[in-house]
Amino acid sequence: MGERTCPAVIFAGRDKIEIRNVILPDLEDEEILVRSLCTGISVGTERWYLTGKMKGVDDRYPLIPGYMRVGIVEETGSQVDRVKPGERVYLGAWAMRLDPRDGLSGGGAHSAYAVAHQSRAIPVPDNVASEEAAVAALAAVSQVGLSLTPANAGDLVVVIGQGMVGQMSAQLTRLMGATVITSDLIDLRVELSRKHSADIAINPAREDLGSIVRERCADGADVVIDTSGDSRLFGYDVELLRKPGKLCLQGYFPDPIHIDFHDTHLKRTVVAFPWGFDPEGVERAFHLLGEKRLTISPLITHRIDSRDAIDAYHLLLKRPQEMLSVVLNWS
């Protein structure tokens, strides 16, 4: 078999995006070849990677970014028994095996094809749309945080930041029976949160979040989930909590976090630092999507042809306030 290549998005350095062909390695016995239908851009994580604010990323360029891919299995190795050709599957973080000749440090999601081990493939149910499945890992990310700082029925939960992880955190805590107040400085996200994710959604530039929280519960919130990535908000998050309270720093905070031990100590605050997601979380997100208990499609603000991926990332860098969730179409 001759050498096969496919186009891929490459982060070549800080703020440097390319589309170029990469080499697809020959299949090993337990590997599959997946043709991408669509891939989801993680607006927060991929911006940190592209701007160099993710710790250690300067030593990892060049790389293929992304961790959310839905595609069709086109070929299977001789020992593959988990999936079949023609099946629609999800491939998660760094599932793509690279050919060393490309000189890439990581094989993410944004390429037209991927060679991956069969164990990395999660079948997508027939009742889940491909584009929703392509960003469902963001709900799985939120589930990790909620497993560490769970909300109970009747709790008051505040979610700061209404990017996709924040929207998913809000929706999932409502499914637990909590009352959810969300905040974001971007009006588009506030409106979408009010419609799909929260009981109350505000822009704190115009309304005082602390006052709204204490109108609902004078002692403060049971759980605060901060998805903002803004390290300066730690003390503010603690102020919103009751005693005892739970604080989930959900997402990536590139700058050091200063903790006033005294105030946090007096609140008996439980603080969680979740990371990543598990395949079981993706499968649960698929289940909730199939039951129409999780809403993703109306939160996808941009559906972009993969050939225009560079423009999509330039928009992400220059006008992130216009984006919530982004899907690249490879079909």
C-alpha atoms as a PDB file:
ATOM      1  CA  MET A   1       0.000   0.000   0.000  1.00  0.00           C
ATOM      2  CA  GLY A   2       1.317   3.441  -0.903  1.00  0.00           C
ATOM      3  CA  GLU A   3       1.730   6.283   1.526  1.00  0.00           C
ATOM      4  CA  ARG A   4      -1.569   7.914   2.499  1.00  0.00           C
ATOM      5  CA  THR A   5      -1.939  11.500   3.653  1.00  0.00           C
ATOM      6  CA  CYS A   6      -4.773  13.758   4.759  1.00  0.00           C
ATOM      7  CA  PRO A   7      -5.217  17.431   5.622  1.00  0.00           C
ATOM      8  CA  ALA A   8      -4.951  18.495   9.253  1.00  0.00           C
ATOM      9  CA  VAL A   9      -4.994  21.681  11.315  1.00  0.00           C
ATOM     10  CA  ILE A  10      -1.560  22.392  12.805  1.00  0.00           C
ATOM     11  CA  PHE A  11      -0.629  24.734  15.635  1.00  0.00           C
ATOM     12  CA  ALA A  12       2.923  25.509  14.517  1.00  0.00           C
ATOM     13  CA  GLY A  13       3.684  27.989  17.306  1.00  0.00           C
ATOM     14  CA  ARG A  14       2.090  30.783  19.277  1.00  0.00           C
ATOM     15  CA  ASP A  15      -0.744  32.252  17.181  1.00  0.00           C
ATOM     16  CA  LYS A  16       0.483  30.252  14.152  1.00  0.00           C
ATOM     17  CA  ILE A  17      -2.125  28.071  12.432  1.00  0.00           C
ATOM     18  CA  GLU A  18      -1.569  25.998   9.303  1.00  0.00           C
ATOM     19  CA  ILE A  19      -3.471  23.433   7.274  1.00  0.00           C
ATOM     20  CA  ARG A  20      -1.145  20.831   5.815  1.00  0.00           C
ATOM     21  CA  ASN A  21      -1.098  17.168   4.877  1.00  0.00           C
ATOM     22  CA  VAL A  22       0.030  14.612   7.434  1.00  0.00           C
ATOM     23  CA  ILE A  23       1.027  10.988   6.873  1.00  0.00           C
ATOM     24  CA  LEU A  24      -1.385   8.270   7.959  1.00  0.00           C
ATOM     25  CA  PRO A  25       0.510   5.269   9.387  1.00  0.00           C
ATOM     26  CA  ASP A  26      -0.432   1.771   8.220  1.00  0.00           C
ATOM     27  CA  LEU A  27      -2.994   0.044  10.418  1.00  0.00           C
ATOM     28  CA  GLU A  28      -1.780  -2.273  13.132  1.00  0.00           C
ATOM     29  CA  ASP A  29      -3.837  -5.307  14.159  1.00  0.00           C
ATOM     30  CA  GLU A  30      -6.018  -3.550  16.758  1.00  0.00           C
ATOM     31  CA  GLU A  31      -6.308  -0.192  15.010  1.00  0.00           C
ATOM     32  CA  ILE A  32      -9.016   1.465  12.967  1.00  0.00           C
ATOM     33  CA  LEU A  33      -9.048   4.101  10.245  1.00  0.00           C
ATOM     34  CA  VAL A  34     -11.688   6.751  10.905  1.00  0.00           C
ATOM     35  CA  ARG A  35     -12.875   9.304   8.350  1.00  0.00           C
ATOM     36  CA  SER A  36     -13.872  12.503  10.143  1.00  0.00           C
ATOM     37  CA  LEU A  37     -17.390  13.858   9.777  1.00  0.00           C
ATOM     38  CA  CYS A  38     -17.003  16.751  12.193  1.00  0.00           C
ATOM     39  CA  THR A  39     -14.736  17.872  14.995  1.00  0.00           C
ATOM     40  CA  GLY A  40     -15.491  20.177  17.891  1.00  0.00           C
ATOM     41  CA  ILE A  41     -13.286  23.117  18.806  1.00  0.00           C
ATOM     42  CA  SER A  42     -12.813  23.513  22.546  1.00  0.00           C
ATOM     43  CA  VAL A  43     -12.908  27.295  22.627  1.00  0.00           C
ATOM     44  CA  GLY A  44     -11.161  27.625  25.998  1.00  0.00           C
ATOM     45  CA  THR A  45      -8.546  24.869  25.888  1.00  0.00           C
ATOM     46  CA  GLU A  46      -7.558  25.387  22.264  1.00  0.00           C
ATOM     47  CA  ARG A  47      -7.202  29.130  22.805  1.00  0.00           C
ATOM     48  CA  TRP A  48      -4.804  28.440  25.690  1.00  0.00           C
ATOM     49  CA  TYR A  49      -2.840  26.070  23.429  1.00  0.00           C
ATOM     50  CA  LEU A  50      -2.741  28.498  20.524  1.00  0.00           C
ATOM     51  CA  THR A  51      -1.739  31.544  22.573  1.00  0.00           C
ATOM     52  CA  GLY A  52       0.938  29.613  24.480  1.00  0.00           C
ATOM     53  CA  LYS A  53      -0.760  30.054  27.863  1.00  0.00           C
ATOM     54  CA  MET A  54      -1.122  26.309  28.464  1.00  0.00           C
ATOM     55  CA  LYS A  55       1.818  25.303  30.646  1.00  0.00           C
ATOM     56  CA  GLY A  56       4.556  23.566  28.653  1.00  0.00           C
ATOM     57  CA  VAL A  57       2.918  24.016  25.256  1.00  0.00           C
ATOM     58  CA  ASP A  58       5.891  25.903  23.779  1.00  0.00           C
ATOM     59  CA  ASP A  59       7.859  22.656  23.924  1.00  0.00           C
ATOM     60  CA  ARG A  60       5.067  20.752  22.153  1.00  0.00           C
ATOM     61  CA  TYR A  61       4.667  22.751  18.938  1.00  0.00           C
ATOM     62  CA  PRO A  62       3.920  21.720  16.244  1.00  0.00           C
ATOM     63  CA  LEU A  63       0.817  19.678  17.076  1.00  0.00           C
ATOM     64  CA  ILE A  64      -2.656  18.804  15.827  1.00  0.00           C
ATOM     65  CA  PRO A  65      -5.084  20.433  18.293  1.00  0.00           C
ATOM     66  CA  GLY A  66      -8.467  19.309  19.517  1.00  0.00           C
ATOM     67  CA  TYR A  67      -9.926  16.371  21.418  1.00  0.00           C
ATOM     68  CA  MET A  68     -13.437  15.894  19.994  1.00  0.00           C
ATOM     69  CA  ARG A  69     -13.950  13.955  16.751  1.00  0.00           C
ATOM     70  CA  VAL A  70     -16.906  12.059  15.246  1.00  0.00           C
ATOM     71  CA  GLY A  71     -16.296   9.962  12.161  1.00  0.00           C
ATOM     72  CA  ILE A  72     -16.990   6.771  10.246  1.00  0.00           C
ATOM     73  CA  VAL A  73     -14.882   3.639  10.633  1.00  0.00           C
ATOM     74  CA  GLU A  74     -13.544   2.916   7.139  1.00  0.00           C
ATOM     75  CA  GLU A  75     -10.992   0.160   7.785  1.00  0.00           C
ATOM     76  CA  THR A  76     -10.138  -2.163  10.661  1.00  0.00           C
ATOM     77  CA  GLY A  77      -7.082  -4.179  11.622  1.00  0.00           C
ATOM     78  CA  SER A  78      -7.169  -7.946  11.720  1.00  0.00           C
ATOM     79  CA  GLN A  79      -7.806  -8.135  15.490  1.00  0.00           C
ATOM     80  CA  VAL A  80     -10.465  -5.423  15.782  1.00  0.00           C
ATOM     81  CA  ASP A  81     -13.669  -6.658  17.426  1.00  0.00           C
ATOM     82  CA  ARG A  82     -14.989  -3.532  19.164  1.00  0.00           C
ATOM     83  CA  VAL A  83     -16.327  -1.668  16.102  1.00  0.00           C
ATOM     84  CA  LYS A  84     -17.181  -2.429  12.468  1.00  0.00           C
ATOM     85  CA  PRO A  85     -16.606  -0.611   9.167  1.00  0.00           C
ATOM     86  CA  GLY A  86     -19.395   1.868   8.542  1.00  0.00           C
ATOM     87  CA  GLU A  87     -19.981   2.493  12.246  1.00  0.00           C
ATOM     88  CA  ARG A  88     -20.067   6.047  13.558  1.00  0.00           C
ATOM     89  CA  VAL A  89     -17.674   6.600  16.467  1.00  0.00           C
ATOM     90  CA  TYR A  90     -16.286   9.276  18.748  1.00  0.00           C
ATOM     91  CA  LEU A  91     -12.519   9.619  19.236  1.00  0.00           C
ATOM     92  CA  GLY A  92     -11.317  11.597  22.246  1.00  0.00           C
ATOM     93  CA  ALA A  93      -8.159  13.292  23.424  1.00  0.00           C
ATOM     94  CA  TRP A  94      -4.943  12.520  21.542  1.00  0.00           C
ATOM     95  CA  ALA A  95      -6.385   9.313  20.087  1.00  0.00           C
ATOM     96  CA  MET A  96      -4.722   9.770  16.690  1.00  0.00           C
ATOM     97  CA  ARG A  97      -1.483   7.841  16.151  1.00  0.00           C
ATOM     98  CA  LEU A  98       1.080   9.910  14.281  1.00  0.00           C
ATOM     99  CA  ASP A  99       3.749   9.026  11.782  1.00  0.00           C
ATOM    100  CA  PRO A 100       7.098  10.214  13.242  1.00  0.00           C
ATOM    101  CA  ARG A 101       8.097  11.648   9.859  1.00  0.00           C
ATOM    102  CA  ASP A 102       5.636  14.501  10.385  1.00  0.00           C
ATOM    103  CA  GLY A 103       7.536  15.739  13.439  1.00  0.00           C
ATOM    104  CA  LEU A 104       4.360  16.424  15.424  1.00  0.00           C
ATOM    105  CA  SER A 105       4.206  16.064  19.196  1.00  0.00           C
ATOM    106  CA  GLY A 106       0.504  15.308  19.481  1.00  0.00           C
ATOM    107  CA  GLY A 107      -2.328  14.020  17.320  1.00  0.00           C
ATOM    108  CA  GLY A 108      -5.558  15.735  18.311  1.00  0.00           C
ATOM    109  CA  ALA A 109      -8.919  15.784  16.588  1.00  0.00           C
ATOM    110  CA  HIS A 110      -8.710  18.225  13.692  1.00  0.00           C
ATOM    111  CA  SER A 111      -7.728  16.089  10.721  1.00  0.00           C
ATOM    112  CA  ALA A 112      -9.674  14.486   7.887  1.00  0.00           C
ATOM    113  CA  TYR A 113      -8.683  10.957   8.950  1.00  0.00           C
ATOM    114  CA  ALA A 114      -7.237   9.267  12.015  1.00  0.00           C
ATOM    115  CA  VAL A 115      -5.551   5.976  12.760  1.00  0.00           C
ATOM    116  CA  ALA A 116      -6.364   5.008  16.350  1.00  0.00           C
ATOM    117  CA  HIS A 117      -6.493   1.995  18.648  1.00  0.00           C
ATOM    118  CA  GLN A 118      -9.954   0.415  18.744  1.00  0.00           C
ATOM    119  CA  SER A 119     -10.174   0.949  22.518  1.00  0.00           C
ATOM    120  CA  ARG A 120     -10.287   4.712  21.952  1.00  0.00           C
ATOM    121  CA  ALA A 121     -13.489   4.518  19.869  1.00  0.00           C
ATOM    122  CA  ILE A 122     -16.872   5.182  21.502  1.00  0.00           C
ATOM    123  CA  PRO A 123     -19.883   4.240  19.333  1.00  0.00           C
ATOM    124  CA  VAL A 124     -22.302   7.120  18.720  1.00  0.00           C
ATOM    125  CA  PRO A 125     -25.973   6.132  19.174  1.00  0.00           C
ATOM    126  CA  ASP A 126     -28.279   6.500  16.172  1.00  0.00           C
ATOM    127  CA  ASN A 127     -30.448   9.050  18.017  1.00  0.00           C
ATOM    128  CA  VAL A 128     -27.556  11.476  18.611  1.00  0.00           C
ATOM    129  CA  ALA A 129     -26.595  13.964  15.884  1.00  0.00           C
ATOM    130  CA  SER A 130     -22.948  13.967  14.806  1.00  0.00           C
ATOM    131  CA  GLU A 131     -22.357  17.636  15.561  1.00  0.00           C
ATOM    132  CA  GLU A 132     -23.804  17.275  19.070  1.00  0.00           C
ATOM    133  CA  ALA A 133     -21.705  14.174  19.660  1.00  0.00           C
ATOM    134  CA  ALA A 134     -18.639  16.104  18.485  1.00  0.00           C
ATOM    135  CA  VAL A 135     -18.853  18.493  21.448  1.00  0.00           C
ATOM    136  CA  ALA A 136     -20.400  16.124  24.008  1.00  0.00           C
ATOM    137  CA  ALA A 137     -17.026  15.733  25.742  1.00  0.00           C
ATOM    138  CA  LEU A 138     -17.579  19.209  27.186  1.00  0.00           C
ATOM    139  CA  ALA A 139     -20.482  17.741  29.154  1.00  0.00           C
ATOM    140  CA  ALA A 140     -18.183  14.916  30.220  1.00  0.00           C
ATOM    141  CA  VAL A 141     -15.687  17.524  31.470  1.00  0.00           C
ATOM    142  CA  SER A 142     -18.428  19.066  33.607  1.00  0.00           C
ATOM    143  CA  GLN A 143     -19.359  15.663  35.001  1.00  0.00           C
ATOM    144  CA  VAL A 144     -15.850  15.218  36.425  1.00  0.00           C
ATOM    145  CA  GLY A 145     -16.209  18.453  38.375  1.00  0.00           C
ATOM    146  CA  LEU A 146     -19.665  17.539  39.631  1.00  0.00           C
ATOM    147  CA  SER A 147     -18.423  14.157  40.813  1.00  0.00           C
ATOM    148  CA  LEU A 148     -15.941  15.999  43.069  1.00  0.00           C
ATOM    149  CA  THR A 149     -18.324  18.753  44.228  1.00  0.00           C
ATOM    150  CA  PRO A 150     -21.787  17.228  43.787  1.00  0.00           C
ATOM    151  CA  ALA A 151     -24.975  19.247  44.020  1.00  0.00           C
ATOM    152  CA  ASN A 152     -28.032  17.888  45.783  1.00  0.00           C
ATOM    153  CA  ALA A 153     -31.716  18.415  45.116  1.00  0.00           C
ATOM    154  CA  GLY A 154     -32.717  21.791  46.513  1.00  0.00           C
ATOM    155  CA  ASP A 155     -29.180  23.210  46.520  1.00  0.00           C
ATOM    156  CA  LEU A 156     -28.362  26.654  45.200  1.00  0.00           C
ATOM    157  CA  VAL A 157     -25.570  26.478  42.611  1.00  0.00           C
ATOM    158  CA  VAL A 158     -23.741  29.391  40.981  1.00  0.00           C
ATOM    159  CA  VAL A 159     -21.909  28.811  37.685  1.00  0.00           C
ATOM    160  CA  ILE A 160     -19.514  31.589  36.694  1.00  0.00           C
ATOM    161  CA  GLY A 161     -18.695  31.650  32.993  1.00  0.00           C
ATOM    162  CA  GLN A 162     -21.102  30.408  30.352  1.00  0.00           C
ATOM    163  CA  GLY A 163     -18.856  28.950  27.740  1.00  0.00           C
ATOM    164  CA  MET A 164     -19.767  25.397  26.807  1.00  0.00           C
ATOM    165  CA  VAL A 165     -18.352  23.808  29.959  1.00  0.00           C
ATOM    166  CA  GLY A 166     -20.259  26.346  32.043  1.00  0.00           C
ATOM    167  CA  GLN A 167     -23.472  25.735  30.102  1.00  0.00           C
ATOM    168  CA  MET A 168     -23.064  21.975  30.528  1.00  0.00           C
ATOM    169  CA  SER A 169     -22.331  22.361  34.259  1.00  0.00           C
ATOM    170  CA  ALA A 170     -25.495  24.409  34.658  1.00  0.00           C
ATOM    171  CA  GLN A 171     -27.664  21.930  32.759  1.00  0.00           C
ATOM    172  CA  LEU A 172     -26.294  18.928  34.639  1.00  0.00           C
ATOM    173  CA  THR A 173     -26.783  20.512  38.078  1.00  0.00           C
ATOM    174  CA  ARG A 174     -30.377  21.330  37.177  1.00  0.00           C
ATOM    175  CA  LEU A 175     -30.858  17.661  36.330  1.00  0.00           C
ATOM    176  CA  MET A 176     -29.718  16.950  39.916  1.00  0.00           C
ATOM    177  CA  GLY A 177     -32.578  19.121  41.187  1.00  0.00           C
ATOM    178  CA  ALA A 178     -30.557  22.221  42.058  1.00  0.00           C
ATOM    179  CA  THR A 179     -31.512  25.822  41.416  1.00  0.00           C
ATOM    180  CA  VAL A 180     -28.877  27.336  39.127  1.00  0.00           C
ATOM    181  CA  ILE A 181     -27.750  30.951  38.789  1.00  0.00           C
ATOM    182  CA  THR A 182     -25.264  31.663  35.994  1.00  0.00           C
ATOM    183  CA  SER A 183     -23.196  34.704  35.102  1.00  0.00           C
ATOM    184  CA  ASP A 184     -21.129  35.830  32.139  1.00  0.00           C
ATOM    185  CA  LEU A 185     -19.889  39.148  30.781  1.00  0.00           C
ATOM    186  CA  ILE A 186     -20.873  38.242  27.198  1.00  0.00           C
ATOM    187  CA  ASP A 187     -24.543  38.956  26.464  1.00  0.00           C
ATOM    188  CA  LEU A 188     -24.848  36.207  23.847  1.00  0.00           C
ATOM    189  CA  ARG A 189     -23.846  33.601  26.403  1.00  0.00           C
ATOM    190  CA  VAL A 190     -26.148  35.057  29.042  1.00  0.00           C
ATOM    191  CA  GLU A 191     -29.133  34.885  26.683  1.00  0.00           C
ATOM    192  CA  LEU A 192     -28.386  31.304  25.645  1.00  0.00           C
ATOM    193  CA  SER A 193     -27.891  30.310  29.277  1.00  0.00           C
ATOM    194  CA  ARG A 194     -31.185  31.901  30.269  1.00  0.00           C
ATOM    195  CA  LYS A 195     -32.973  29.985  27.525  1.00  0.00           C
ATOM    196  CA  HIS A 196     -31.326  26.575  27.807  1.00  0.00           C
ATOM    197  CA  SER A 197     -29.196  26.118  30.930  1.00  0.00           C
ATOM    198  CA  ALA A 198     -30.087  28.221  33.996  1.00  0.00           C
ATOM    199  CA  ASP A 199     -32.944  29.259  36.237  1.00  0.00           C
ATOM    200  CA  ILE A 200     -31.444  32.761  36.446  1.00  0.00           C
ATOM    201  CA  ALA A 201     -28.765  34.127  34.096  1.00  0.00           C
ATOM    202  CA  ILE A 202     -27.153  37.542  34.570  1.00  0.00           C
ATOM    203  CA  ASN A 203     -24.415  39.783  33.254  1.00  0.00           C
ATOM    204  CA  PRO A 204     -22.481  40.896  36.370  1.00  0.00           C
ATOM    205  CA  ALA A 205     -21.493  44.115  34.618  1.00  0.00           C
ATOM    206  CA  ARG A 206     -25.128  45.199  35.045  1.00  0.00           C
ATOM    207  CA  GLU A 207     -26.420  43.173  38.000  1.00  0.00           C
ATOM    208  CA  ASP A 208     -24.830  42.300  41.325  1.00  0.00           C
ATOM    209  CA  LEU A 209     -24.394  38.549  41.480  1.00  0.00           C
ATOM    210  CA  GLY A 210     -23.834  38.478  45.248  1.00  0.00           C
ATOM    211  CA  SER A 211     -27.111  40.269  45.920  1.00  0.00           C
ATOM    212  CA  ILE A 212     -29.027  37.925  43.639  1.00  0.00           C
ATOM    213  CA  VAL A 213     -27.504  34.884  45.354  1.00  0.00           C
ATOM    214  CA  ARG A 214     -28.438  36.145  48.822  1.00  0.00           C
ATOM    215  CA  GLU A 215     -31.964  37.006  47.741  1.00  0.00           C
ATOM    216  CA  ARG A 216     -32.378  33.286  47.068  1.00  0.00           C
ATOM    217  CA  CYS A 217     -30.405  32.124  50.110  1.00  0.00           C
ATOM    218  CA  ALA A 218     -29.133  34.514  52.772  1.00  0.00           C
ATOM    219  CA  ASP A 219     -26.320  32.136  53.746  1.00  0.00           C
ATOM    220  CA  GLY A 220     -24.963  31.922  50.200  1.00  0.00           C
ATOM    221  CA  ALA A 221     -24.641  29.218  47.548  1.00  0.00           C
ATOM    222  CA  ASP A 222     -24.074  25.551  48.322  1.00  0.00           C
ATOM    223  CA  VAL A 223     -21.809  25.120  45.298  1.00  0.00           C
ATOM    224  CA  VAL A 224     -19.898  27.601  43.118  1.00  0.00           C
ATOM    225  CA  ILE A 225     -18.538  26.315  39.799  1.00  0.00           C
ATOM    226  CA  ASP A 226     -16.048  28.744  38.270  1.00  0.00           C
ATOM    227  CA  THR A 227     -15.368  28.072  34.580  1.00  0.00           C
ATOM    228  CA  SER A 228     -14.003  31.540  33.813  1.00  0.00           C
ATOM    229  CA  GLY A 229     -10.281  30.714  33.772  1.00  0.00           C
ATOM    230  CA  ASP A 230      -9.746  33.993  35.652  1.00  0.00           C
ATOM    231  CA  SER A 231      -7.520  33.331  38.678  1.00  0.00           C
ATOM    232  CA  ARG A 232      -8.457  36.674  40.236  1.00  0.00           C
ATOM    233  CA  LEU A 233     -11.974  35.441  41.013  1.00  0.00           C
ATOM    234  CA  PHE A 234     -11.030  32.903  43.700  1.00  0.00           C
ATOM    235  CA  GLY A 235     -11.778  35.216  46.643  1.00  0.00           C
ATOM    236  CA  TYR A 236     -15.019  36.365  45.009  1.00  0.00           C
ATOM    237  CA  ASP A 237     -16.064  32.737  44.544  1.00  0.00           C
ATOM    238  CA  VAL A 238     -15.502  32.050  48.245  1.00  0.00           C
ATOM    239  CA  GLU A 239     -17.564  35.108  49.210  1.00  0.00           C
ATOM    240  CA  LEU A 240     -20.544  33.663  47.333  1.00  0.00           C
ATOM    241  CA  LEU A 241     -20.457  30.410  49.320  1.00  0.00           C
ATOM    242  CA  ARG A 242     -22.291  29.437  52.464  1.00  0.00           C
ATOM    243  CA  LYS A 243     -20.565  27.660  55.359  1.00  0.00           C
ATOM    244  CA  PRO A 244     -19.680  24.908  54.585  1.00  0.00           C
ATOM    245  CA  GLY A 245     -19.554  25.270  50.822  1.00  0.00           C
ATOM    246  CA  LYS A 246     -18.026  23.642  47.766  1.00  0.00           C
ATOM    247  CA  LEU A 247     -15.975  25.414  45.105  1.00  0.00           C
ATOM    248  CA  CYS A 248     -15.172  23.747  41.780  1.00  0.00           C
ATOM    249  CA  LEU A 249     -12.475  25.393  39.648  1.00  0.00           C
ATOM    250  CA  GLN A 250     -13.724  23.857  36.423  1.00  0.00           C
ATOM    251  CA  GLY A 251     -11.509  24.535  33.451  1.00  0.00           C
ATOM    252  CA  TYR A 252      -7.974  25.789  32.998  1.00  0.00           C
ATOM    253  CA  PHE A 253      -6.544  28.737  34.932  1.00  0.00           C
ATOM    254  CA  PRO A 254      -3.264  29.783  33.290  1.00  0.00           C
ATOM    255  CA  ASP A 255      -2.224  32.248  35.995  1.00  0.00           C
ATOM    256  CA  PRO A 256      -1.331  31.394  39.624  1.00  0.00           C
ATOM    257  CA  ILE A 257      -4.251  31.420  42.065  1.00  0.00           C
ATOM    258  CA  HIS A 258      -3.857  33.427  45.260  1.00  0.00           C
ATOM    259  CA  ILE A 259      -5.780  31.921  48.180  1.00  0.00           C
ATOM    260  CA  ASP A 260      -6.635  33.908  51.283  1.00  0.00           C
ATOM    261  CA  PHE A 261      -6.416  30.979  53.648  1.00  0.00           C
ATOM    262  CA  HIS A 262      -8.239  32.754  56.492  1.00  0.00           C
ATOM    263  CA  ASP A 263     -11.454  33.496  54.592  1.00  0.00           C
ATOM    264  CA  THR A 264     -11.487  30.130  52.831  1.00  0.00           C
ATOM    265  CA  HIS A 265     -10.712  28.392  56.125  1.00  0.00           C
ATOM    266  CA  LEU A 266     -13.601  30.077  57.965  1.00  0.00           C
ATOM    267  CA  LYS A 267     -16.062  28.903  55.338  1.00  0.00           C
ATOM    268  CA  ARG A 268     -14.831  25.280  55.677  1.00  0.00           C
ATOM    269  CA  THR A 269     -14.606  25.350  51.905  1.00  0.00           C
ATOM    270  CA  VAL A 270     -14.078  22.186  49.896  1.00  0.00           C
ATOM    271  CA  VAL A 271     -12.145  23.123  46.740  1.00  0.00           C
ATOM    272  CA  ALA A 272     -11.838  20.806  43.718  1.00  0.00           C
ATOM    273  CA  PHE A 273      -9.451  21.049  40.776  1.00  0.00           C
ATOM    274  CA  PRO A 274     -10.935  18.664  38.177  1.00  0.00           C
ATOM    275  CA  TRP A 275      -9.132  17.755  34.992  1.00  0.00           C
ATOM    276  CA  GLY A 276     -10.136  16.101  31.734  1.00  0.00           C
ATOM    277  CA  PHE A 277     -12.952  13.631  31.203  1.00  0.00           C
ATOM    278  CA  ASP A 278     -13.594   9.912  31.127  1.00  0.00           C
ATOM    279  CA  PRO A 279     -15.122   7.746  28.357  1.00  0.00           C
ATOM    280  CA  GLU A 280     -17.981   6.918  30.704  1.00  0.00           C
ATOM    281  CA  GLY A 281     -18.808  10.618  30.869  1.00  0.00           C
ATOM    282  CA  VAL A 282     -19.009  10.836  27.073  1.00  0.00           C
ATOM    283  CA  GLU A 283     -21.299   7.799  26.998  1.00  0.00           C
ATOM    284  CA  ARG A 284     -23.543   9.369  29.643  1.00  0.00           C
ATOM    285  CA  ALA A 285     -23.651  12.606  27.665  1.00  0.00           C
ATOM    286  CA  PHE A 286     -24.756  10.610  24.597  1.00  0.00           C
ATOM    287  CA  HIS A 287     -27.460   8.960  26.717  1.00  0.00           C
ATOM    288  CA  LEU A 288     -28.748  12.326  27.987  1.00  0.00           C
ATOM    289  CA  LEU A 289     -28.694  13.767  24.466  1.00  0.00           C
ATOM    290  CA  GLY A 290     -30.690  10.816  23.175  1.00  0.00           C
ATOM    291  CA  GLU A 291     -33.278  11.356  25.922  1.00  0.00           C
ATOM    292  CA  LYS A 292     -33.437  15.101  25.112  1.00  0.00           C
ATOM    293  CA  ARG A 293     -32.357  15.923  28.670  1.00  0.00           C
ATOM    294  CA  LEU A 294     -29.186  17.715  27.557  1.00  0.00           C
ATOM    295  CA  THR A 295     -29.229  20.603  25.070  1.00  0.00           C
ATOM    296  CA  ILE A 296     -26.263  21.222  22.787  1.00  0.00           C
ATOM    297  CA  SER A 297     -27.371  22.007  19.229  1.00  0.00           C
ATOM    298  CA  PRO A 298     -28.753  25.544  19.933  1.00  0.00           C
ATOM    299  CA  LEU A 299     -25.455  26.357  21.664  1.00  0.00           C
ATOM    300  CA  ILE A 300     -23.407  25.671  18.522  1.00  0.00           C
ATOM    301  CA  THR A 301     -22.892  29.192  17.227  1.00  0.00           C
ATOM    302  CA  HIS A 302     -20.522  28.358  14.351  1.00  0.00           C
ATOM    303  CA  ARG A 303     -20.536  25.504  11.844  1.00  0.00           C
ATOM    304  CA  ILE A 304     -17.477  25.970   9.650  1.00  0.00           C
ATOM    305  CA  ASP A 305     -16.037  24.072   6.704  1.00  0.00           C
ATOM    306  CA  SER A 306     -12.711  22.516   7.674  1.00  0.00           C
ATOM    307  CA  ARG A 307     -11.050  24.272   4.727  1.00  0.00           C
ATOM    308  CA  ASP A 308     -11.801  27.546   6.555  1.00  0.00           C
ATOM    309  CA  ALA A 309     -10.336  26.385   9.866  1.00  0.00           C
ATOM    310  CA  ILE A 310      -7.659  29.085   9.879  1.00  0.00           C
ATOM    311  CA  ASP A 311     -10.366  31.761   9.677  1.00  0.00           C
ATOM    312  CA  ALA A 312     -12.200  30.048  12.547  1.00  0.00           C
ATOM    313  CA  TYR A 313      -9.140  30.271  14.791  1.00  0.00           C
ATOM    314  CA  HIS A 314      -8.479  33.875  13.822  1.00  0.00           C
ATOM    315  CA  LEU A 315     -12.059  34.633  14.905  1.00  0.00           C
ATOM    316  CA  LEU A 316     -11.396  32.759  18.142  1.00  0.00           C
ATOM    317  CA  LEU A 317      -8.344  34.927  18.809  1.00  0.00           C
ATOM    318  CA  LYS A 318      -9.791  38.278  17.776  1.00  0.00           C
ATOM    319  CA  ARG A 319     -13.531  38.087  18.543  1.00  0.00           C
ATOM    320  CA  PRO A 320     -14.092  35.255  21.040  1.00  0.00           C
ATOM    321  CA  GLN A 321     -17.200  37.004  22.355  1.00  0.00           C
ATOM    322  CA  GLU A 322     -18.991  35.957  19.154  1.00  0.00           C
ATOM    323  CA  MET A 323     -18.359  32.256  19.759  1.00  0.00           C
ATOM    324  CA  LEU A 324     -19.794  29.705  22.109  1.00  0.00           C
ATOM    325  CA  SER A 325     -19.414  26.317  20.481  1.00  0.00           C
ATOM    326  CA  VAL A 326     -17.717  25.644  17.138  1.00  0.00           C
ATOM    327  CA  VAL A 327     -17.893  22.589  14.879  1.00  0.00           C
ATOM    328  CA  LEU A 328     -15.611  21.973  11.892  1.00  0.00           C
ATOM    329  CA  ASN A 329     -17.274  20.021   9.056  1.00  0.00           C
ATOM    330  CA  TRP A 330     -14.920  17.560   7.301  1.00  0.00           C
ATOM    331  CA  SER A 331     -17.465  15.736   5.136  1.00  0.00           C
END
